[in-house]
Protein backbone atom coordinates (compact mmCIF):
# COMPACT_ATOMS: atom_id res chain seq x y z
CA UNK A 1 -247.27 -45.05 19.57
CA UNK A 2 -246.12 -43.35 16.39
CA UNK A 3 -244.64 -39.86 16.30
CA UNK A 4 -243.09 -37.50 13.70
CA UNK A 5 -239.44 -36.91 14.40
CA UNK A 6 -237.99 -33.79 12.74
CA UNK A 7 -234.46 -34.81 11.88
CA UNK A 8 -231.74 -32.35 11.33
CA UNK A 9 -228.90 -34.81 10.64
CA UNK A 10 -228.04 -38.44 11.21
CA UNK A 11 -225.44 -37.80 14.02
CA UNK A 12 -227.99 -36.04 16.17
CA UNK A 13 -230.85 -38.38 15.29
CA UNK A 14 -229.50 -41.78 15.53
CA UNK A 15 -229.53 -42.06 19.40
CA UNK A 16 -232.88 -40.48 19.54
CA UNK A 17 -234.36 -42.93 16.97
CA UNK A 18 -232.90 -45.88 18.99
CA UNK A 19 -234.28 -44.45 22.29
CA UNK A 20 -237.79 -43.93 20.73
CA UNK A 21 -237.71 -47.57 19.42
CA UNK A 22 -236.70 -48.98 22.65
CA UNK A 23 -239.35 -47.04 24.46
CA UNK A 24 -242.35 -48.31 22.29
CA UNK A 25 -242.39 -45.32 19.91
CA UNK A 26 -242.36 -45.75 16.19
CA UNK A 27 -240.78 -42.60 14.67
CA UNK A 28 -241.56 -41.42 11.22
CA UNK A 29 -238.63 -39.24 10.28
CA UNK A 30 -239.06 -35.85 8.63
CA UNK A 31 -236.04 -34.35 7.11
CA UNK A 32 -237.14 -30.62 6.81
CA UNK A 33 -234.17 -28.21 6.88
CA UNK A 34 -234.42 -25.37 4.24
CA UNK A 35 -231.77 -23.49 6.27
CA UNK A 36 -228.99 -25.65 5.23
CA UNK A 37 -226.45 -23.95 2.79
CA UNK A 38 -224.87 -24.68 0.39
CA UNK A 39 -226.93 -27.23 -1.63
CA UNK A 40 -224.10 -29.71 -1.45
CA UNK A 41 -224.08 -29.74 2.38
CA UNK A 42 -227.92 -30.15 2.22
CA UNK A 43 -227.60 -33.28 0.04
CA UNK A 44 -224.84 -34.71 2.21
CA UNK A 45 -226.80 -34.41 5.39
CA UNK A 46 -230.17 -35.60 3.72
CA UNK A 47 -228.35 -38.69 2.26
CA UNK A 48 -226.98 -39.68 5.67
CA UNK A 49 -230.23 -39.66 7.27
CA UNK A 50 -231.95 -41.42 4.40
CA UNK A 51 -229.45 -44.14 4.21
CA UNK A 52 -229.56 -44.53 8.02
CA UNK A 53 -233.45 -44.73 7.97
CA UNK A 54 -233.19 -47.45 5.27
CA UNK A 55 -230.52 -49.34 7.30
CA UNK A 56 -232.75 -49.52 10.33
CA UNK A 57 -236.17 -49.87 8.49
CA UNK A 58 -237.65 -46.46 9.56
CA UNK A 59 -239.90 -44.39 7.28
CA UNK A 60 -238.54 -41.13 6.14
CA UNK A 61 -240.13 -38.06 4.49
CA UNK A 62 -238.23 -35.32 2.99
CA UNK A 63 -239.82 -31.82 3.06
CA UNK A 64 -238.93 -29.37 0.51
CA UNK A 65 -235.47 -27.62 0.54
CA UNK A 66 -236.83 -24.06 -0.33
CA UNK A 67 -233.78 -22.11 0.86
CA UNK A 68 -234.96 -18.86 -0.82
CA UNK A 69 -238.32 -19.20 1.11
CA UNK A 70 -236.42 -19.79 4.32
CA UNK A 71 -234.22 -16.73 3.65
CA UNK A 72 -237.51 -14.63 3.26
CA UNK A 73 -238.84 -15.91 6.56
CA UNK A 74 -235.67 -15.01 8.47
CA UNK A 75 -235.18 -11.70 6.60
CA UNK A 76 -234.06 -8.90 9.07
CA UNK A 77 -232.49 -11.35 11.33
CA UNK A 78 -229.34 -11.91 9.26
CA UNK A 79 -227.07 -10.24 11.99
CA UNK A 80 -228.51 -11.92 14.97
CA UNK A 81 -225.99 -13.91 16.86
CA UNK A 82 -226.15 -17.81 17.19
CA UNK A 83 -228.98 -18.73 19.68
CA UNK A 84 -230.62 -15.23 18.90
CA UNK A 85 -233.97 -14.39 17.28
CA UNK A 86 -232.88 -15.95 13.94
CA UNK A 87 -232.49 -19.34 15.52
CA UNK A 88 -235.78 -18.96 17.37
CA UNK A 89 -237.42 -18.21 14.07
CA UNK A 90 -235.65 -20.97 12.11
CA UNK A 91 -237.00 -23.45 14.81
CA UNK A 92 -240.47 -22.14 14.46
CA UNK A 93 -240.45 -22.61 10.60
CA UNK A 94 -239.24 -26.17 10.86
CA UNK A 95 -241.57 -27.11 13.89
CA UNK A 96 -244.53 -25.66 12.14
CA UNK A 97 -243.79 -27.67 9.01
CA UNK A 98 -243.35 -30.79 11.28
CA UNK A 99 -246.55 -29.97 13.23
CA UNK A 100 -248.40 -29.71 9.97
CA UNK A 101 -247.05 -33.07 8.79
CA UNK A 102 -248.04 -34.66 11.96
CA UNK A 103 -251.67 -33.13 11.64
CA UNK A 104 -252.04 -34.36 7.97
CA UNK A 105 -250.85 -37.76 8.80
CA UNK A 106 -253.20 -37.93 12.03
CA UNK A 107 -250.27 -38.39 14.26
CA UNK A 108 -250.85 -36.70 17.56
CA UNK A 109 -247.18 -36.19 18.58
CA UNK A 110 -244.10 -34.73 17.17
CA UNK A 111 -240.34 -34.20 18.45
CA UNK A 112 -237.25 -32.95 17.02
CA UNK A 113 -233.55 -33.94 17.06
CA UNK A 114 -232.50 -30.38 17.27
CA UNK A 115 -232.52 -30.50 20.91
CA UNK A 116 -229.64 -32.96 20.77
CA UNK A 117 -227.23 -30.33 19.83
CA UNK A 118 -225.30 -28.62 22.50
CA UNK A 119 -224.82 -25.67 20.14
CA UNK A 120 -228.70 -25.01 20.30
CA UNK A 121 -230.67 -23.31 22.90
CA UNK A 122 -233.00 -26.12 24.26
CA UNK A 123 -235.52 -23.54 25.61
CA UNK A 124 -235.94 -21.88 22.17
CA UNK A 125 -236.48 -25.37 20.55
CA UNK A 126 -239.14 -26.11 23.25
CA UNK A 127 -240.85 -22.78 22.72
CA UNK A 128 -240.91 -23.35 18.94
CA UNK A 129 -242.22 -26.79 19.35
CA UNK A 130 -244.96 -25.99 21.71
CA UNK A 131 -245.85 -22.88 19.67
CA UNK A 132 -246.11 -25.10 16.56
CA UNK A 133 -248.29 -27.68 18.35
CA UNK A 134 -250.67 -24.98 19.46
CA UNK A 135 -251.69 -24.32 15.84
CA UNK A 136 -253.40 -27.76 15.55
CA UNK A 137 -256.06 -29.25 17.84
CA UNK A 138 -254.83 -32.31 19.96
CA UNK A 139 -251.20 -32.16 18.72
CA UNK A 140 -248.44 -32.35 21.37
CA UNK A 141 -244.83 -31.54 21.15
CA UNK A 142 -242.86 -34.38 23.00
CA UNK A 143 -240.18 -32.30 24.90
CA UNK A 144 -237.24 -34.23 26.01
CA UNK A 145 -233.56 -33.31 26.78
CA UNK A 146 -231.94 -35.62 24.49
CA UNK A 147 -228.49 -34.50 25.97
CA UNK A 148 -228.99 -36.47 29.09
CA UNK A 149 -229.58 -39.98 30.21
CA UNK A 150 -226.71 -41.40 28.38
CA UNK A 151 -228.02 -40.25 24.89
CA UNK A 152 -225.16 -37.89 24.27
CA UNK A 153 -222.65 -40.73 24.84
CA UNK A 154 -224.80 -43.10 22.65
CA UNK A 155 -224.88 -40.39 19.89
CA UNK A 156 -220.94 -40.37 19.79
CA UNK A 157 -221.00 -44.24 19.72
CA UNK A 158 -223.46 -44.43 16.92
CA UNK A 159 -221.70 -41.61 15.00
CA UNK A 160 -218.40 -43.83 15.05
CA UNK A 161 -220.18 -47.12 14.31
CA UNK A 162 -222.02 -45.76 11.31
CA UNK A 163 -219.08 -43.57 10.15
CA UNK A 164 -221.59 -40.62 9.88
CA UNK A 165 -220.51 -37.34 8.36
CA UNK A 166 -220.29 -35.05 11.38
CA UNK A 167 -220.81 -31.34 10.41
CA UNK A 168 -219.37 -28.61 12.29
CA UNK A 169 -222.15 -26.07 11.98
CA UNK A 170 -225.95 -25.89 11.92
CA UNK A 171 -226.23 -25.37 8.27
CA UNK A 172 -227.13 -21.84 8.46
CA UNK A 173 -225.23 -19.60 5.86
CA UNK A 174 -225.06 -16.90 8.58
CA UNK A 175 -223.49 -19.16 11.10
CA UNK A 176 -220.99 -20.64 8.68
CA UNK A 177 -219.75 -17.18 7.70
CA UNK A 178 -219.85 -15.89 11.23
CA UNK A 179 -221.83 -12.89 10.12
């Protein structure tokens, strides 16, 4: 079974990709993160994922990095706290783009590596994923707690083995400046 895996970064994605492959699923990676600021951070994270995908032979698609468009879509939520309404809106933006790609590619399921981060609200991610899936007939959001079942430990093992750049913030300009 093929699914689209929205991927936020290599450290969060590697163990998930490994798990999917070991469980009979073929992930098509979708790097779509217009929230990442500055551009140099975006490029660094994108390159890590692209290089890892090439290393393991997994297809990767890069979405646009329209930061200005993302800012417009979160306008009015700039002062929301981490895990607040801005994060939910950001997840919805990224999950809808992922669902749209799955629909165009005639792939019936998608997931996200966002749920691997302990910094993120897993319920918000699930809400955004199911919301996005509901926009397309027959599309399902594959919801899994990627923090359990040894995956968090595997994440750190793969991070070290691959010498991944391990960022310290989600990429959001508002989070990095602690607005």
